[in-house]
Amino acid sequence: MQKSPLKIIVASIIILGSVSWLAITGAAANKSYYVTITELQGMGGKAYTRHLRVAGNVAPGSIKRSGANANFTLLEQGKTLQVVYKGEEPPPDTFKDDARALAIGTYGRDGVFHATQLQAKCASKYAPAPGSRPGQPAPAAAPASPGKTAELVTPKLK
């Protein structure tokens, strides 16, 4: 039995069309826009329908943890944004007061950013050592003079 070339062509078109549709809708679903807090608050109705990334510094004393979830406030140039994080993993260890944080999620009509992913870093932890250049090892400490021993100084308690 010979297969009709028309059937093969139609089947190929259906398969290619299905794969293309899945690729396009998958890419659109994973797309997220990076915005500042100021831009987010000025987006109007568009802010409620997009998957967004918003960065800022964590306001001191604003972190309230509940298991793997957290509520906190982001600060950026005098603007604030309430964030509710409900993710699959707890916030990272570097997520602390004054840390730089990136929240990924959606903006709700209640004025709260609902994050499903959270990234944080402590800028001072990753900064180069004083006197060194990025990519270069930190300068070695000066050795003690020959014949002298280093002494440990402990603070006196009152």
Protein backbone atom coordinates (compact mmCIF):
# COMPACT_ATOMS: atom_id res chain seq x y z
CA MET A 1 0.00 0.00 0.00
CA GLN A 2 1.26 3.41 -0.92
CA LYS A 3 0.48 6.38 1.30
CA SER A 4 -0.90 9.41 -0.36
CA PRO A 5 1.60 12.30 -0.42
CA LEU A 6 -1.26 14.63 0.48
CA LYS A 7 -1.83 12.82 3.81
CA ILE A 8 1.88 13.07 4.66
CA ILE A 9 1.95 16.79 3.83
CA VAL A 10 -1.18 17.50 5.90
CA ALA A 11 0.16 15.49 8.86
CA SER A 12 3.50 17.34 8.64
CA ILE A 13 1.76 20.73 8.60
CA ILE A 14 -0.35 19.81 11.64
CA ILE A 15 2.70 18.61 13.58
CA LEU A 16 4.79 21.69 12.69
CA GLY A 17 1.89 23.99 13.53
CA SER A 18 1.39 22.34 16.93
CA VAL A 19 5.09 22.53 17.81
CA SER A 20 5.26 26.19 16.72
CA TRP A 21 2.16 27.09 18.76
CA LEU A 22 3.61 25.40 21.88
CA ALA A 23 6.94 27.19 21.45
CA ILE A 24 5.34 30.62 21.02
CA THR A 25 2.91 30.29 23.95
CA GLY A 26 5.63 28.83 26.18
CA ALA A 27 7.99 31.72 25.46
CA ALA A 28 5.24 34.27 26.12
CA ALA A 29 4.34 32.64 29.43
CA ASN A 30 7.95 32.76 30.68
CA LYS A 31 8.61 36.35 29.63
CA SER A 32 8.97 38.82 32.48
CA TYR A 33 9.61 42.55 32.38
CA TYR A 34 12.18 44.22 34.65
CA VAL A 35 10.78 47.43 36.11
CA THR A 36 11.71 49.80 38.90
CA ILE A 37 9.27 50.51 41.72
CA THR A 38 8.57 53.94 40.21
CA GLU A 39 7.87 52.43 36.78
CA LEU A 40 5.65 49.75 38.30
CA GLN A 41 3.53 52.30 40.14
CA GLY A 42 3.17 54.34 36.95
CA MET A 43 2.19 51.47 34.62
CA GLY A 44 -1.52 51.66 35.38
CA GLY A 45 -3.63 48.67 34.29
CA LYS A 46 -0.77 47.04 32.36
CA ALA A 47 0.98 46.24 35.64
CA TYR A 48 -1.77 43.80 36.65
CA THR A 49 -1.50 41.59 33.57
CA ARG A 50 2.26 41.12 33.23
CA HIS A 51 4.83 38.87 34.83
CA LEU A 52 7.35 41.30 36.38
CA ARG A 53 10.74 41.56 38.07
CA VAL A 54 11.19 44.33 40.63
CA ALA A 55 14.39 45.11 42.54
CA GLY A 56 15.12 47.23 45.58
CA ASN A 57 16.65 47.19 49.03
CA VAL A 58 14.84 45.35 51.81
CA ALA A 59 13.52 47.90 54.32
CA PRO A 60 15.08 47.36 57.76
CA GLY A 61 12.71 45.61 60.18
CA SER A 62 10.11 44.84 57.50
CA ILE A 63 10.76 41.11 57.06
CA LYS A 64 8.09 38.87 58.55
CA ARG A 65 8.71 35.17 57.89
CA SER A 66 6.15 32.40 58.04
CA GLY A 67 7.72 29.05 57.15
CA ALA A 68 8.95 29.27 53.56
CA ASN A 69 6.94 32.47 52.96
CA ALA A 70 7.83 36.07 53.76
CA ASN A 71 6.27 39.53 53.75
CA PHE A 72 8.59 42.53 53.41
CA THR A 73 8.98 46.00 51.93
CA LEU A 74 11.30 46.99 49.07
CA LEU A 75 12.77 50.51 48.96
CA GLU A 76 14.09 52.34 45.93
CA GLN A 77 14.71 56.08 45.58
CA GLY A 78 12.18 56.99 48.27
CA LYS A 79 9.46 54.68 46.88
CA THR A 80 8.21 51.62 48.73
CA LEU A 81 6.57 48.40 47.58
CA GLN A 82 4.92 45.79 49.80
CA VAL A 83 5.90 42.26 48.73
CA VAL A 84 4.30 38.95 49.69
CA TYR A 85 6.56 36.02 48.81
CA LYS A 86 4.96 32.59 48.50
CA GLY A 87 7.44 30.31 46.82
CA GLU A 88 8.39 26.69 46.79
CA GLU A 89 11.69 27.37 48.59
CA PRO A 90 12.40 29.56 51.62
CA PRO A 91 14.12 32.93 51.02
CA PRO A 92 17.91 32.66 50.52
CA ASP A 93 20.33 33.11 53.43
CA THR A 94 21.44 36.47 52.04
CA PHE A 95 17.88 37.82 52.32
CA LYS A 96 18.26 40.24 55.24
CA ASP A 97 17.60 43.86 56.15
CA ASP A 98 19.22 46.34 53.70
CA ALA A 99 20.09 43.51 51.25
CA ARG A 100 19.49 44.05 47.54
CA ALA A 101 16.56 41.82 46.51
CA LEU A 102 14.86 40.89 43.24
CA ALA A 103 11.23 39.80 43.45
CA ILE A 104 9.69 37.94 40.49
CA GLY A 105 5.92 37.65 40.22
CA THR A 106 2.80 39.73 39.59
CA TYR A 107 1.42 43.03 40.84
CA GLY A 108 -2.02 42.77 42.42
CA ARG A 109 -4.86 45.28 42.35
CA ASP A 110 -4.44 45.47 46.14
CA GLY A 111 -1.14 47.34 45.60
CA VAL A 112 0.94 44.39 46.80
CA PHE A 113 3.54 42.58 44.69
CA HIS A 114 2.94 38.80 44.84
CA ALA A 115 6.33 37.12 44.34
CA THR A 116 6.85 33.48 43.47
CA GLN A 117 10.66 33.74 43.22
CA LEU A 118 13.09 35.74 45.29
CA GLN A 119 16.78 36.47 44.83
CA ALA A 120 18.93 38.41 47.28
CA LYS A 121 22.53 39.37 47.69
CA CYS A 122 24.62 41.27 50.17
CA ALA A 123 26.73 43.69 48.14
CA SER A 124 29.47 44.06 50.78
CA LYS A 125 30.03 40.29 50.90
CA TYR A 126 30.97 40.15 47.23
CA ALA A 127 32.89 43.44 46.99
CA PRO A 128 36.64 43.27 46.35
CA ALA A 129 38.90 43.65 49.37
CA PRO A 130 40.22 47.17 50.04
CA GLY A 131 43.32 47.84 47.97
CA SER A 132 42.58 45.16 45.40
CA ARG A 133 41.18 45.35 41.91
CA PRO A 134 38.36 43.14 40.65
CA GLY A 135 39.75 39.86 39.34
CA GLN A 136 42.99 40.26 41.33
CA PRO A 137 43.76 38.44 44.59
CA ALA A 138 43.63 40.52 47.75
CA PRO A 139 47.02 41.82 48.93
CA ALA A 140 48.69 39.62 51.53
CA ALA A 141 48.93 40.89 55.08
CA ALA A 142 52.33 42.21 56.11
CA PRO A 143 54.32 39.57 58.00
CA ALA A 144 55.27 40.25 61.60
CA SER A 145 58.78 41.53 62.23
CA PRO A 146 61.38 38.82 62.87
CA GLY A 147 61.81 38.10 66.53
CA LYS A 148 58.41 39.50 67.48
CA THR A 149 55.31 37.46 68.03
CA ALA A 150 51.84 38.62 67.28
CA GLU A 151 49.71 39.19 70.33
CA LEU A 152 46.00 38.69 70.56
CA VAL A 153 44.10 41.68 71.90
CA THR A 154 40.79 40.96 73.53
CA PRO A 155 38.29 43.63 74.46
CA LYS A 156 37.78 44.28 78.16
CA LEU A 157 34.29 43.65 79.42
CA LYS A 158 32.77 46.10 81.86
